[in-house]
Amino acid sequence: HEEALAALSEQLAHMLQELQEEKTLRAQAEEKVASLETQLQTTQGAISKEEHDKVKEELQHALQDSESKAAAAQDALSEREVELRELKSQKAAEQGLISKEDHEALRLSLQA
């Protein structure tokens, strides 16, 4: 279980890194949208409405893609966190121990 726990921890760290990268990409995309909208406002009379709409649509798609990737990374991270808790709980049970989360849940249920 040590190897599985280490592998899961490594996957969790990797997913956290991916999520952070997606957040960075999203922030960059949002900055780009804001920058292009500012440029658009200053040059709006110089370009056609069709071109404006095309650029806006492309940027919206890029932003949606980044948001989708960030959401997928967050979902995967949540799944990994659940797996990690389950592995810790299983390991603790095998060692005759109880995980902190299980202990806290039991303590709270007994207080109620």
PDB file of N, CA and C in Angstrom:
ATOM      1  N   HIS A   1       0.823  -1.207   0.000  1.00  0.00           N
ATOM      2  CA  HIS A   1       0.000   0.000   0.000  1.00  0.00           C
ATOM      3  C   HIS A   1       0.862   1.265   0.000  1.00  0.00           C
ATOM      4  N   GLU A   2       2.101   1.124   0.504  1.00  0.00           N
ATOM      5  CA  GLU A   2       3.003   2.282   0.497  1.00  0.00           C
ATOM      6  C   GLU A   2       3.245   2.747  -0.934  1.00  0.00           C
ATOM      7  N   GLU A   3       3.462   1.774  -1.835  1.00  0.00           N
ATOM      8  CA  GLU A   3       3.715   2.128  -3.235  1.00  0.00           C
ATOM      9  C   GLU A   3       2.479   2.767  -3.857  1.00  0.00           C
ATOM     10  N   ALA A   4       1.314   2.193  -3.576  1.00  0.00           N
ATOM     11  CA  ALA A   4       0.073   2.748  -4.129  1.00  0.00           C
ATOM     12  C   ALA A   4      -0.163   4.148  -3.576  1.00  0.00           C
ATOM     13  N   LEU A   5       0.113   4.319  -2.300  1.00  0.00           N
ATOM     14  CA  LEU A   5      -0.056   5.631  -1.679  1.00  0.00           C
ATOM     15  C   LEU A   5       0.925   6.638  -2.273  1.00  0.00           C
ATOM     16  N   ALA A   6       2.153   6.203  -2.481  1.00  0.00           N
ATOM     17  CA  ALA A   6       3.158   7.091  -3.086  1.00  0.00           C
ATOM     18  C   ALA A   6       2.768   7.443  -4.513  1.00  0.00           C
ATOM     19  N   ALA A   7       2.305   6.445  -5.269  1.00  0.00           N
ATOM     20  CA  ALA A   7       1.894   6.697  -6.657  1.00  0.00           C
ATOM     21  C   ALA A   7       0.699   7.639  -6.692  1.00  0.00           C
ATOM     22  N   LEU A   8      -0.239   7.421  -5.800  1.00  0.00           N
ATOM     23  CA  LEU A   8      -1.420   8.285  -5.755  1.00  0.00           C
ATOM     24  C   LEU A   8      -1.037   9.701  -5.334  1.00  0.00           C
ATOM     25  N   SER A   9      -0.124   9.806  -4.398  1.00  0.00           N
ATOM     26  CA  SER A   9       0.349  11.131  -3.986  1.00  0.00           C
ATOM     27  C   SER A   9       1.042  11.838  -5.141  1.00  0.00           C
ATOM     28  N   GLU A  10       1.829  11.076  -5.902  1.00  0.00           N
ATOM     29  CA  GLU A  10       2.505  11.655  -7.065  1.00  0.00           C
ATOM     30  C   GLU A  10       1.484  12.110  -8.108  1.00  0.00           C
ATOM     31  N   GLN A  11       0.457  11.277  -8.339  1.00  0.00           N
ATOM     32  CA  GLN A  11      -0.594  11.654  -9.286  1.00  0.00           C
ATOM     33  C   GLN A  11      -1.320  12.905  -8.793  1.00  0.00           C
ATOM     34  N   LEU A  12      -1.574  12.972  -7.517  1.00  0.00           N
ATOM     35  CA  LEU A  12      -2.248  14.127  -6.929  1.00  0.00           C
ATOM     36  C   LEU A  12      -1.410  15.386  -7.122  1.00  0.00           C
ATOM     37  N   ALA A  13      -0.118  15.276  -6.897  1.00  0.00           N
ATOM     38  CA  ALA A  13       0.773  16.423  -7.103  1.00  0.00           C
ATOM     39  C   ALA A  13       0.775  16.842  -8.564  1.00  0.00           C
ATOM     40  N   HIS A  14       0.770  15.847  -9.449  1.00  0.00           N
ATOM     41  CA  HIS A  14       0.743  16.137 -10.888  1.00  0.00           C
ATOM     42  C   HIS A  14      -0.560  16.837 -11.272  1.00  0.00           C
ATOM     43  N   MET A  15      -1.668  16.359 -10.735  1.00  0.00           N
ATOM     44  CA  MET A  15      -2.962  16.967 -11.042  1.00  0.00           C
ATOM     45  C   MET A  15      -3.027  18.394 -10.490  1.00  0.00           C
ATOM     46  N   LEU A  16      -2.448  18.608  -9.322  1.00  0.00           N
ATOM     47  CA  LEU A  16      -2.405  19.959  -8.761  1.00  0.00           C
ATOM     48  C   LEU A  16      -1.610  20.888  -9.669  1.00  0.00           C
ATOM     49  N   GLN A  17      -0.484  20.363 -10.180  1.00  0.00           N
ATOM     50  CA  GLN A  17       0.332  21.164 -11.094  1.00  0.00           C
ATOM     51  C   GLN A  17      -0.455  21.476 -12.362  1.00  0.00           C
ATOM     52  N   GLU A  18      -1.141  20.475 -12.920  1.00  0.00           N
ATOM     53  CA  GLU A  18      -1.940  20.694 -14.123  1.00  0.00           C
ATOM     54  C   GLU A  18      -3.047  21.713 -13.866  1.00  0.00           C
ATOM     55  N   LEU A  19      -3.681  21.606 -12.719  1.00  0.00           N
ATOM     56  CA  LEU A  19      -4.744  22.552 -12.374  1.00  0.00           C
ATOM     57  C   LEU A  19      -4.186  23.967 -12.279  1.00  0.00           C
ATOM     58  N   GLN A  20      -3.020  24.095 -11.664  1.00  0.00           N
ATOM     59  CA  GLN A  20      -2.402  25.415 -11.555  1.00  0.00           C
ATOM     60  C   GLN A  20      -2.054  25.957 -12.934  1.00  0.00           C
ATOM     61  N   GLU A  21      -1.552  25.082 -13.813  1.00  0.00           N
ATOM     62  CA  GLU A  21      -1.231  25.511 -15.175  1.00  0.00           C
ATOM     63  C   GLU A  21      -2.491  25.959 -15.910  1.00  0.00           C
ATOM     64  N   GLU A  22      -3.580  25.225 -15.725  1.00  0.00           N
ATOM     65  CA  GLU A  22      -4.838  25.604 -16.373  1.00  0.00           C
ATOM     66  C   GLU A  22      -5.357  26.930 -15.819  1.00  0.00           C
ATOM     67  N   LYS A  23      -5.195  27.135 -14.528  1.00  0.00           N
ATOM     68  CA  LYS A  23      -5.612  28.412 -13.938  1.00  0.00           C
ATOM     69  C   LYS A  23      -4.786  29.552 -14.519  1.00  0.00           C
ATOM     70  N   THR A  24      -3.487  29.302 -14.694  1.00  0.00           N
ATOM     71  CA  THR A  24      -2.614  30.312 -15.289  1.00  0.00           C
ATOM     72  C   THR A  24      -3.042  30.597 -16.718  1.00  0.00           C
ATOM     73  N   LEU A  25      -3.312  29.537 -17.484  1.00  0.00           N
ATOM     74  CA  LEU A  25      -3.762  29.713 -18.866  1.00  0.00           C
ATOM     75  C   LEU A  25      -5.079  30.479 -18.920  1.00  0.00           C
ATOM     76  N   ARG A  26      -5.967  30.160 -18.003  1.00  0.00           N
ATOM     77  CA  ARG A  26      -7.256  30.851 -17.964  1.00  0.00           C
ATOM     78  C   ARG A  26      -7.057  32.335 -17.669  1.00  0.00           C
ATOM     79  N   ALA A  27      -6.193  32.621 -16.698  1.00  0.00           N
ATOM     80  CA  ALA A  27      -5.925  34.021 -16.355  1.00  0.00           C
ATOM     81  C   ALA A  27      -5.311  34.750 -17.544  1.00  0.00           C
ATOM     82  N   GLN A  28      -4.412  34.071 -18.247  1.00  0.00           N
ATOM     83  CA  GLN A  28      -3.804  34.682 -19.429  1.00  0.00           C
ATOM     84  C   GLN A  28      -4.848  34.919 -20.510  1.00  0.00           C
ATOM     85  N   ALA A  29      -5.744  33.959 -20.690  1.00  0.00           N
ATOM     86  CA  ALA A  29      -6.800  34.116 -21.696  1.00  0.00           C
ATOM     87  C   ALA A  29      -7.716  35.280 -21.330  1.00  0.00           C
ATOM     88  N   GLU A  30      -8.043  35.393 -20.046  1.00  0.00           N
ATOM     89  CA  GLU A  30      -8.892  36.496 -19.609  1.00  0.00           C
ATOM     90  C   GLU A  30      -8.187  37.841 -19.809  1.00  0.00           C
ATOM     91  N   GLU A  31      -6.881  37.870 -19.531  1.00  0.00           N
ATOM     92  CA  GLU A  31      -6.116  39.100 -19.763  1.00  0.00           C
ATOM     93  C   GLU A  31      -6.098  39.435 -21.251  1.00  0.00           C
ATOM     94  N   LYS A  32      -5.925  38.410 -22.077  1.00  0.00           N
ATOM     95  CA  LYS A  32      -5.902  38.622 -23.528  1.00  0.00           C
ATOM     96  C   LYS A  32      -7.254  39.151 -23.999  1.00  0.00           C
ATOM     97  N   VAL A  33      -8.342  38.572 -23.474  1.00  0.00           N
ATOM     98  CA  VAL A  33      -9.684  39.044 -23.833  1.00  0.00           C
ATOM     99  C   VAL A  33      -9.830  40.515 -23.460  1.00  0.00           C
ATOM    100  N   ALA A  34      -9.427  40.860 -22.248  1.00  0.00           N
ATOM    101  CA  ALA A  34      -9.542  42.249 -21.799  1.00  0.00           C
ATOM    102  C   ALA A  34      -8.695  43.171 -22.674  1.00  0.00           C
ATOM    103  N   SER A  35      -7.495  42.730 -22.989  1.00  0.00           N
ATOM    104  CA  SER A  35      -6.609  43.533 -23.834  1.00  0.00           C
ATOM    105  C   SER A  35      -7.200  43.725 -25.222  1.00  0.00           C
ATOM    106  N   LEU A  36      -7.702  42.638 -25.793  1.00  0.00           N
ATOM    107  CA  LEU A  36      -8.281  42.734 -27.133  1.00  0.00           C
ATOM    108  C   LEU A  36      -9.563  43.558 -27.137  1.00  0.00           C
ATOM    109  N   GLU A  37     -10.341  43.457 -26.071  1.00  0.00           N
ATOM    110  CA  GLU A  37     -11.548  44.277 -25.996  1.00  0.00           C
ATOM    111  C   GLU A  37     -11.183  45.756 -25.896  1.00  0.00           C
ATOM    112  N   THR A  38     -10.116  46.060 -25.168  1.00  0.00           N
ATOM    113  CA  THR A  38      -9.646  47.444 -25.087  1.00  0.00           C
ATOM    114  C   THR A  38      -9.179  47.922 -26.454  1.00  0.00           C
ATOM    115  N   GLN A  39      -8.397  47.073 -27.125  1.00  0.00           N
ATOM    116  CA  GLN A  39      -7.943  47.412 -28.476  1.00  0.00           C
ATOM    117  C   GLN A  39      -9.131  47.597 -29.407  1.00  0.00           C
ATOM    118  N   LEU A  40     -10.097  46.738 -29.249  1.00  0.00           N
ATOM    119  CA  LEU A  40     -11.280  46.801 -30.093  1.00  0.00           C
ATOM    120  C   LEU A  40     -12.016  48.121 -29.891  1.00  0.00           C
ATOM    121  N   GLN A  41     -12.149  48.515 -28.644  1.00  0.00           N
ATOM    122  CA  GLN A  41     -12.841  49.772 -28.358  1.00  0.00           C
ATOM    123  C   GLN A  41     -12.116  50.963 -28.978  1.00  0.00           C
ATOM    124  N   THR A  42     -10.795  50.935 -28.958  1.00  0.00           N
ATOM    125  CA  THR A  42     -10.046  52.069 -29.510  1.00  0.00           C
ATOM    126  C   THR A  42     -10.044  52.070 -31.026  1.00  0.00           C
ATOM    127  N   THR A  43     -10.189  50.894 -31.621  1.00  0.00           N
ATOM    128  CA  THR A  43     -10.145  50.821 -33.091  1.00  0.00           C
ATOM    129  C   THR A  43     -11.461  50.345 -33.685  1.00  0.00           C
ATOM    130  N   GLN A  44     -12.501  50.402 -32.895  1.00  0.00           N
ATOM    131  CA  GLN A  44     -13.774  49.830 -33.332  1.00  0.00           C
ATOM    132  C   GLN A  44     -14.250  50.431 -34.655  1.00  0.00           C
ATOM    133  N   GLY A  45     -14.034  51.703 -34.853  1.00  0.00           N
ATOM    134  CA  GLY A  45     -14.452  52.319 -36.103  1.00  0.00           C
ATOM    135  C   GLY A  45     -13.630  51.842 -37.289  1.00  0.00           C
ATOM    136  N   ALA A  46     -12.446  51.257 -37.030  1.00  0.00           N
ATOM    137  CA  ALA A  46     -11.543  50.869 -38.109  1.00  0.00           C
ATOM    138  C   ALA A  46     -11.765  49.442 -38.593  1.00  0.00           C
ATOM    139  N   ILE A  47     -12.475  48.620 -37.827  1.00  0.00           N
ATOM    140  CA  ILE A  47     -12.709  47.244 -38.275  1.00  0.00           C
ATOM    141  C   ILE A  47     -14.204  46.977 -38.368  1.00  0.00           C
ATOM    142  N   SER A  48     -14.502  45.976 -39.126  1.00  0.00           N
ATOM    143  CA  SER A  48     -15.917  45.657 -39.338  1.00  0.00           C
ATOM    144  C   SER A  48     -16.497  44.936 -38.125  1.00  0.00           C
ATOM    145  N   LYS A  49     -17.795  44.992 -38.009  1.00  0.00           N
ATOM    146  CA  LYS A  49     -18.489  44.290 -36.930  1.00  0.00           C
ATOM    147  C   LYS A  49     -18.275  42.786 -37.061  1.00  0.00           C
ATOM    148  N   GLU A  50     -18.220  42.285 -38.300  1.00  0.00           N
ATOM    149  CA  GLU A  50     -18.006  40.855 -38.515  1.00  0.00           C
ATOM    150  C   GLU A  50     -16.661  40.415 -37.938  1.00  0.00           C
ATOM    151  N   GLU A  51     -15.636  41.220 -38.169  1.00  0.00           N
ATOM    152  CA  GLU A  51     -14.307  40.898 -37.639  1.00  0.00           C
ATOM    153  C   GLU A  51     -14.327  40.927 -36.112  1.00  0.00           C
ATOM    154  N   HIS A  52     -14.975  41.911 -35.554  1.00  0.00           N
ATOM    155  CA  HIS A  52     -15.112  42.016 -34.101  1.00  0.00           C
ATOM    156  C   HIS A  52     -15.798  40.770 -33.542  1.00  0.00           C
ATOM    157  N   ASP A  53     -16.908  40.400 -34.157  1.00  0.00           N
ATOM    158  CA  ASP A  53     -17.654  39.234 -33.689  1.00  0.00           C
ATOM    159  C   ASP A  53     -16.819  37.963 -33.812  1.00  0.00           C
ATOM    160  N   LYS A  54     -16.054  37.860 -34.893  1.00  0.00           N
ATOM    161  CA  LYS A  54     -15.209  36.684 -35.110  1.00  0.00           C
ATOM    162  C   LYS A  54     -14.147  36.580 -34.010  1.00  0.00           C
ATOM    163  N   VAL A  55     -13.467  37.680 -33.733  1.00  0.00           N
ATOM    164  CA  VAL A  55     -12.434  37.689 -32.696  1.00  0.00           C
ATOM    165  C   VAL A  55     -13.045  37.388 -31.333  1.00  0.00           C
ATOM    166  N   LYS A  56     -14.168  38.003 -31.063  1.00  0.00           N
ATOM    167  CA  LYS A  56     -14.837  37.783 -29.779  1.00  0.00           C
ATOM    168  C   LYS A  56     -15.222  36.311 -29.619  1.00  0.00           C
ATOM    169  N   GLU A  57     -15.759  35.719 -30.668  1.00  0.00           N
ATOM    170  CA  GLU A  57     -16.159  34.312 -30.621  1.00  0.00           C
ATOM    171  C   GLU A  57     -14.948  33.404 -30.408  1.00  0.00           C
ATOM    172  N   GLU A  58     -13.854  33.689 -31.104  1.00  0.00           N
ATOM    173  CA  GLU A  58     -12.637  32.889 -30.931  1.00  0.00           C
ATOM    174  C   GLU A  58     -12.131  32.966 -29.497  1.00  0.00           C
ATOM    175  N   LEU A  59     -12.152  34.154 -28.944  1.00  0.00           N
ATOM    176  CA  LEU A  59     -11.696  34.323 -27.568  1.00  0.00           C
ATOM    177  C   LEU A  59     -12.626  33.631 -26.576  1.00  0.00           C
ATOM    178  N   GLN A  60     -13.916  33.685 -26.848  1.00  0.00           N
ATOM    179  CA  GLN A  60     -14.867  33.002 -25.966  1.00  0.00           C
ATOM    180  C   GLN A  60     -14.645  31.493 -26.013  1.00  0.00           C
ATOM    181  N   HIS A  61     -14.367  30.960 -27.202  1.00  0.00           N
ATOM    182  CA  HIS A  61     -14.086  29.525 -27.321  1.00  0.00           C
ATOM    183  C   HIS A  61     -12.808  29.161 -26.563  1.00  0.00           C
ATOM    184  N   ALA A  62     -11.782  29.990 -26.698  1.00  0.00           N
ATOM    185  CA  ALA A  62     -10.529  29.728 -25.988  1.00  0.00           C
ATOM    186  C   ALA A  62     -10.750  29.749 -24.479  1.00  0.00           C
ATOM    187  N   LEU A  63     -11.535  30.697 -24.020  1.00  0.00           N
ATOM    188  CA  LEU A  63     -11.833  30.789 -22.596  1.00  0.00           C
ATOM    189  C   LEU A  63     -12.647  29.579 -22.130  1.00  0.00           C
ATOM    190  N   GLN A  64     -13.632  29.174 -22.913  1.00  0.00           N
ATOM    191  CA  GLN A  64     -14.439  27.999 -22.564  1.00  0.00           C
ATOM    192  C   GLN A  64     -13.579  26.740 -22.521  1.00  0.00           C
ATOM    193  N   ASP A  65     -12.657  26.604 -23.478  1.00  0.00           N
ATOM    194  CA  ASP A  65     -11.759  25.449 -23.475  1.00  0.00           C
ATOM    195  C   ASP A  65     -10.913  25.429 -22.204  1.00  0.00           C
ATOM    196  N   SER A  66     -10.375  26.586 -21.845  1.00  0.00           N
ATOM    197  CA  SER A  66      -9.562  26.668 -20.629  1.00  0.00           C
ATOM    198  C   SER A  66     -10.398  26.341 -19.395  1.00  0.00           C
ATOM    199  N   GLU A  67     -11.620  26.849 -19.352  1.00  0.00           N
ATOM    200  CA  GLU A  67     -12.494  26.562 -18.213  1.00  0.00           C
ATOM    201  C   GLU A  67     -12.844  25.079 -18.151  1.00  0.00           C
ATOM    202  N   SER A  68     -13.076  24.463 -19.305  1.00  0.00           N
ATOM    203  CA  SER A  68     -13.383  23.031 -19.341  1.00  0.00           C
ATOM    204  C   SER A  68     -12.200  22.209 -18.846  1.00  0.00           C
ATOM    205  N   LYS A  69     -11.003  22.580 -19.307  1.00  0.00           N
ATOM    206  CA  LYS A  69      -9.808  21.858 -18.865  1.00  0.00           C
ATOM    207  C   LYS A  69      -9.595  22.038 -17.371  1.00  0.00           C
ATOM    208  N   ALA A  70      -9.812  23.241 -16.878  1.00  0.00           N
ATOM    209  CA  ALA A  70      -9.655  23.495 -15.445  1.00  0.00           C
ATOM    210  C   ALA A  70     -10.682  22.696 -14.641  1.00  0.00           C
ATOM    211  N   ALA A  71     -11.905  22.628 -15.130  1.00  0.00           N
ATOM    212  CA  ALA A  71     -12.951  21.858 -14.438  1.00  0.00           C
ATOM    213  C   ALA A  71     -12.614  20.371 -14.450  1.00  0.00           C
ATOM    214  N   ALA A  72     -12.124  19.874 -15.588  1.00  0.00           N
ATOM    215  CA  ALA A  72     -11.749  18.461 -15.680  1.00  0.00           C
ATOM    216  C   ALA A  72     -10.594  18.158 -14.730  1.00  0.00           C
ATOM    217  N   ALA A  73      -9.628  19.051 -14.676  1.00  0.00           N
ATOM    218  CA  ALA A  73      -8.502  18.858 -13.764  1.00  0.00           C
ATOM    219  C   ALA A  73      -8.978  18.886 -12.315  1.00  0.00           C
ATOM    220  N   GLN A  74      -9.906  19.773 -12.001  1.00  0.00           N
ATOM    221  CA  GLN A  74     -10.448  19.850 -10.645  1.00  0.00           C
ATOM    222  C   GLN A  74     -11.207  18.569 -10.299  1.00  0.00           C
ATOM    223  N   ASP A  75     -11.988  18.048 -11.243  1.00  0.00           N
ATOM    224  CA  ASP A  75     -12.713  16.797 -11.014  1.00  0.00           C
ATOM    225  C   ASP A  75     -11.746  15.647 -10.769  1.00  0.00           C
ATOM    226  N   ALA A  76     -10.706  15.572 -11.602  1.00  0.00           N
ATOM    227  CA  ALA A  76      -9.716  14.509 -11.441  1.00  0.00           C
ATOM    228  C   ALA A  76      -9.009  14.644 -10.096  1.00  0.00           C
ATOM    229  N   LEU A  77      -8.705  15.866  -9.712  1.00  0.00           N
ATOM    230  CA  LEU A  77      -8.061  16.110  -8.430  1.00  0.00           C
ATOM    231  C   LEU A  77      -8.965  15.657  -7.282  1.00  0.00           C
ATOM    232  N   SER A  78     -10.232  15.963  -7.371  1.00  0.00           N
ATOM    233  CA  SER A  78     -11.184  15.545  -6.332  1.00  0.00           C
ATOM    234  C   SER A  78     -11.243  14.027  -6.232  1.00  0.00           C
ATOM    235  N   GLU A  79     -11.258  13.359  -7.383  1.00  0.00           N
ATOM    236  CA  GLU A  79     -11.275  11.893  -7.388  1.00  0.00           C
ATOM    237  C   GLU A  79     -10.020  11.339  -6.729  1.00  0.00           C
ATOM    238  N   ARG A  80      -8.882  11.932  -7.043  1.00  0.00           N
ATOM    239  CA  ARG A  80      -7.612  11.471  -6.467  1.00  0.00           C
ATOM    240  C   ARG A  80      -7.599  11.693  -4.953  1.00  0.00           C
ATOM    241  N   GLU A  81      -8.161  12.805  -4.512  1.00  0.00           N
ATOM    242  CA  GLU A  81      -8.212  13.075  -3.075  1.00  0.00           C
ATOM    243  C   GLU A  81      -9.067  12.032  -2.361  1.00  0.00           C
ATOM    244  N   VAL A  82     -10.179  11.645  -2.981  1.00  0.00           N
ATOM    245  CA  VAL A  82     -11.037  10.608  -2.402  1.00  0.00           C
ATOM    246  C   VAL A  82     -10.275   9.286  -2.343  1.00  0.00           C
ATOM    247  N   GLU A  83      -9.596   8.940  -3.442  1.00  0.00           N
ATOM    248  CA  GLU A  83      -8.818   7.702  -3.471  1.00  0.00           C
ATOM    249  C   GLU A  83      -7.737   7.719  -2.394  1.00  0.00           C
ATOM    250  N   LEU A  84      -7.083   8.856  -2.235  1.00  0.00           N
ATOM    251  CA  LEU A  84      -6.031   8.978  -1.233  1.00  0.00           C
ATOM    252  C   LEU A  84      -6.595   8.786   0.172  1.00  0.00           C
ATOM    253  N   ARG A  85      -7.741   9.408   0.450  1.00  0.00           N
ATOM    254  CA  ARG A  85      -8.369   9.226   1.770  1.00  0.00           C
ATOM    255  C   ARG A  85      -8.734   7.760   1.999  1.00  0.00           C
ATOM    256  N   GLU A  86      -9.269   7.113   0.954  1.00  0.00           N
ATOM    257  CA  GLU A  86      -9.645   5.703   1.090  1.00  0.00           C
ATOM    258  C   GLU A  86      -8.424   4.832   1.352  1.00  0.00           C
ATOM    259  N   LEU A  87      -7.331   5.102   0.634  1.00  0.00           N
ATOM    260  CA  LEU A  87      -6.110   4.332   0.851  1.00  0.00           C
ATOM    261  C   LEU A  87      -5.558   4.547   2.254  1.00  0.00           C
ATOM    262  N   LYS A  88      -5.576   5.794   2.714  1.00  0.00           N
ATOM    263  CA  LYS A  88      -5.096   6.079   4.069  1.00  0.00           C
ATOM    264  C   LYS A  88      -5.958   5.366   5.103  1.00  0.00           C
ATOM    265  N   SER A  89      -7.259   5.393   4.878  1.00  0.00           N
ATOM    266  CA  SER A  89      -8.181   4.740   5.801  1.00  0.00           C
ATOM    267  C   SER A  89      -7.959   3.230   5.801  1.00  0.00           C
ATOM    268  N   GLN A  90      -7.780   2.668   4.605  1.00  0.00           N
ATOM    269  CA  GLN A  90      -7.547   1.227   4.478  1.00  0.00           C
ATOM    270  C   GLN A  90      -6.229   0.845   5.149  1.00  0.00           C
ATOM    271  N   LYS A  91      -5.198   1.643   4.924  1.00  0.00           N
ATOM    272  CA  LYS A  91      -3.896   1.369   5.530  1.00  0.00           C
ATOM    273  C   LYS A  91      -3.998   1.442   7.044  1.00  0.00           C
ATOM    274  N   ALA A  92      -4.690   2.444   7.535  1.00  0.00           N
ATOM    275  CA  ALA A  92      -4.854   2.598   8.976  1.00  0.00           C
ATOM    276  C   ALA A  92      -5.614   1.406   9.560  1.00  0.00           C
ATOM    277  N   ALA A  93      -6.644   0.960   8.846  1.00  0.00           N
ATOM    278  CA  ALA A  93      -7.429  -0.181   9.323  1.00  0.00           C
ATOM    279  C   ALA A  93      -6.567  -1.436   9.380  1.00  0.00           C
ATOM    280  N   GLU A  94      -5.709  -1.608   8.375  1.00  0.00           N
ATOM    281  CA  GLU A  94      -4.829  -2.778   8.357  1.00  0.00           C
ATOM    282  C   GLU A  94      -3.834  -2.733   9.512  1.00  0.00           C
ATOM    283  N   GLN A  95      -3.475  -1.551   9.933  1.00  0.00           N
ATOM    284  CA  GLN A  95      -2.524  -1.400  11.028  1.00  0.00           C
ATOM    285  C   GLN A  95      -3.233  -1.315  12.382  1.00  0.00           C
ATOM    286  N   GLY A  96      -4.536  -1.474  12.364  1.00  0.00           N
ATOM    287  CA  GLY A  96      -5.296  -1.414  13.601  1.00  0.00           C
ATOM    288  C   GLY A  96      -5.501   0.006  14.094  1.00  0.00           C
ATOM    289  N   LEU A  97      -5.386   0.953  13.189  1.00  0.00           N
ATOM    290  CA  LEU A  97      -5.556   2.360  13.540  1.00  0.00           C
ATOM    291  C   LEU A  97      -6.812   2.889  12.872  1.00  0.00           C
ATOM    292  N   ILE A  98      -7.138   4.118  13.160  1.00  0.00           N
ATOM    293  CA  ILE A  98      -8.283   4.756  12.508  1.00  0.00           C
ATOM    294  C   ILE A  98      -7.792   6.104  11.977  1.00  0.00           C
ATOM    295  N   SER A  99      -8.227   6.454  10.778  1.00  0.00           N
ATOM    296  CA  SER A  99      -7.771   7.710  10.175  1.00  0.00           C
ATOM    297  C   SER A  99      -8.328   8.898  10.952  1.00  0.00           C
ATOM    298  N   LYS A 100      -7.645  10.034  10.822  1.00  0.00           N
ATOM    299  CA  LYS A 100      -8.105  11.248  11.503  1.00  0.00           C
ATOM    300  C   LYS A 100      -9.509  11.632  11.048  1.00  0.00           C
ATOM    301  N   GLU A 101      -9.760  11.485   9.726  1.00  0.00           N
ATOM    302  CA  GLU A 101     -11.079  11.841   9.198  1.00  0.00           C
ATOM    303  C   GLU A 101     -12.163  10.941   9.795  1.00  0.00           C
ATOM    304  N   ASP A 102     -11.882   9.622   9.832  1.00  0.00           N
ATOM    305  CA  ASP A 102     -12.857   8.687  10.397  1.00  0.00           C
ATOM    306  C   ASP A 102     -13.047   8.944  11.893  1.00  0.00           C
ATOM    307  N   HIS A 103     -11.946   9.220  12.595  1.00  0.00           N
ATOM    308  CA  HIS A 103     -12.024   9.509  14.023  1.00  0.00           C
ATOM    309  C   HIS A 103     -12.887  10.748  14.275  1.00  0.00           C
ATOM    310  N   GLU A 104     -12.647  11.788  13.488  1.00  0.00           N
ATOM    311  CA  GLU A 104     -13.408  13.036  13.659  1.00  0.00           C
ATOM    312  C   GLU A 104     -14.886  12.810  13.352  1.00  0.00           C
ATOM    313  N   ALA A 105     -15.171  12.058  12.287  1.00  0.00           N
ATOM    314  CA  ALA A 105     -16.564  11.779  11.929  1.00  0.00           C
ATOM    315  C   ALA A 105     -17.249  10.983  13.043  1.00  0.00           C
ATOM    316  N   LEU A 106     -16.546   9.999  13.586  1.00  0.00           N
ATOM    317  CA  LEU A 106     -17.103   9.189  14.671  1.00  0.00           C
ATOM    318  C   LEU A 106     -17.319  10.049  15.915  1.00  0.00           C
ATOM    319  N   ARG A 107     -16.347  10.902  16.227  1.00  0.00           N
ATOM    320  CA  ARG A 107     -16.456  11.779  17.392  1.00  0.00           C
ATOM    321  C   ARG A 107     -17.661  12.708  17.259  1.00  0.00           C
ATOM    322  N   LEU A 108     -17.833  13.275  16.081  1.00  0.00           N
ATOM    323  CA  LEU A 108     -18.958  14.188  15.862  1.00  0.00           C
ATOM    324  C   LEU A 108     -20.294  13.453  15.937  1.00  0.00           C
ATOM    325  N   SER A 109     -20.340  12.232  15.408  1.00  0.00           N
ATOM    326  CA  SER A 109     -21.605  11.494  15.447  1.00  0.00           C
ATOM    327  C   SER A 109     -21.954  11.086  16.877  1.00  0.00           C
ATOM    328  N   LEU A 110     -20.946  10.805  17.684  1.00  0.00           N
ATOM    329  CA  LEU A 110     -21.207  10.440  19.074  1.00  0.00           C
ATOM    330  C   LEU A 110     -21.615  11.653  19.907  1.00  0.00           C
ATOM    331  N   GLN A 111     -21.158  12.832  19.518  1.00  0.00           N
ATOM    332  CA  GLN A 111     -21.545  14.047  20.232  1.00  0.00           C
ATOM    333  C   GLN A 111     -22.992  14.417  19.954  1.00  0.00           C
ATOM    334  N   ALA A 112     -23.475  14.041  18.787  1.00  0.00           N
ATOM    335  CA  ALA A 112     -24.827  14.442  18.377  1.00  0.00           C
ATOM    336  C   ALA A 112     -25.912  13.737  19.139  1.00  0.00           C
TER     337      ALA A 112
END
